[in-house]
Amino acid sequence: MKKIERRTVVCLALTLLLLLGLGLFVVRFFWDGEDWASFAANRHLYNSQGQLSVGRVLDRDGDVLTWVDESGNRQYYANQTVRMATLHAVGDPNGAIGTSALVAFAGELSGYNFLTGADNPFGPGNDLYLTLDAHLNYVAYQALNGKRGAVGVYNYETGEILCMVSTPTFDPANPPEIQEGDEQYEGVYVNRFLSSTFTPGSSFKTVTLTAAIENIPDLFQRTFTCTGSTTVGGEEITCPYAHGTMDINAAFASSCNGVFARLAAELGADTMSEYVEKAGLLGHYSVDGISTAAGSYDVAGASEGQLGWSGVGQYNDLVNPCAMMVWMGGIAGGGRAAVPHLIQEVDGGIPLPSLPFGRETGALIQGDTAQVLANMMAQNVVQTYGSGRFPNMDICAKSGTAEVGGGKQPNAWFVGFLRNADAPYAFAVVVEEGGSGASAAGNVAARVLDALVNGD
């Protein structure tokens, strides 16, 4: 009898383990089935060259950016500039760009769903509509004029990314033979907008100013004097020229390094770190499952002077362009912004959505502070950048000229948003070794926004 009882216990334990294993498999199958089905070794979806042989990628207007011909080979849009401008969003035929639609959204393109697997009963793959405007990407690519960098524009109310360009790039219809160490194609497989971080320069002063507005009661009653050089904690903080005596509005408009270094030192490392994190510049955003690069603000053990430089957007500061764009959207939205996304629609099957749309960030900034900051950024345009460069736009902006060392020209930033009721757009532009943020990156932003708001 005891032997039978022991065997019964063993059988029950094995049955329980079997059920647990089956349950784990079902859960994994539900969550990871799409990745399993779209694995590059699946010859049902990939041709002998390892190219995804199903599905079309289209822009928001229905322009077909890539498709598969009758021979199973991937083809691309007729215009070479459009192909190069949309490379990092659409992808190369060999799948070398991991954040592109042909890789990241292979499950959606295949028509995979939990019930029918990868056998799409409606045809050879799905039509994947991106939120991107191919023409806007074309304009941004031309505006970069061969410089390395990134351009992003999105609707901060809906989360739709309208423009996402990363350079350097290449023609996916005629991929070059890229040799190791070829400077022309350095980092070409990386989407700089989603997956890179850069020293932000003075664009970061929007964060320092936010912290100062909320923690220094007499900020708007103070006056500051800039002689071109300010000593903070025994370290010299330099400006391009002497700004003279000014209030905080003028200090922000003239982007005085000395003033913002003093503010950061006064606020302290803990407060500064708190506001950088709250602004969303240290975490990741999930763009339809594609994780953006996390920024960095490391002031642990920093001297007072180093902390001052961090408040200027130098020292160890690193920011992802997509996160910066969302931060701008948060200011425009009165504290919160939509989380960006790239998928507009999947047509042709019944795939299960990987992530819901319409998600919002947490509170990036207090509502009343956002309004004050937005007004100050609008004055920047009037007093410093020139509102004539942005016709028919109620634009709020901040430039950045980020020193990167090594004898290189500074990286140029231009970030901001529009307050037009019919144009709720936030943007971030970074031009590597571009020099002046207001000039180099500002000119790129002006051309892209003009095409978006006013047409060609």
Foldseek 3Di string as FASTA:
>chain_A
DVVVVVVVVVVVVVVVVVVVVVVVVLVCCQQCVLVVLLPLVNCVQAPPLSFGQFAWEAEPVGHTAWHHDPVSAIDGDPDQLLQFLCCLQAHARNCLQCNHCRHPVVSLQQQAASPPGSPFPQDRGWYFYWHEDSVLSSLLSVLLVLFFWWKWKDQQQFQGTHGTGGDDTGRSNDDDDDDPPPPSCVVHSYRQQFEHKDQAFQLLLLLLVQLCPVPPPCQQVDKDWFQQWAAWLNDIDGDPGTPGIDGVLSCQLSLPLRVQLVSQLVSDDVSSVVLCVLLVFAAWAQALNRTGHGWDDDCVVPGSNLSSVVSRRARRTIGRFLSSQQSQSCLLVQFKTFRHYITDDIDRHDHDRSDDTPDMDHGSHHRVSSVVSQVSQLVSCVPPLDCVLAPPFSWGKHKGFYDDDPPAATKIKIWHFTNPPVGGMTMIIIGHSQHYNSPSRVSSVSSSNCCVPVND
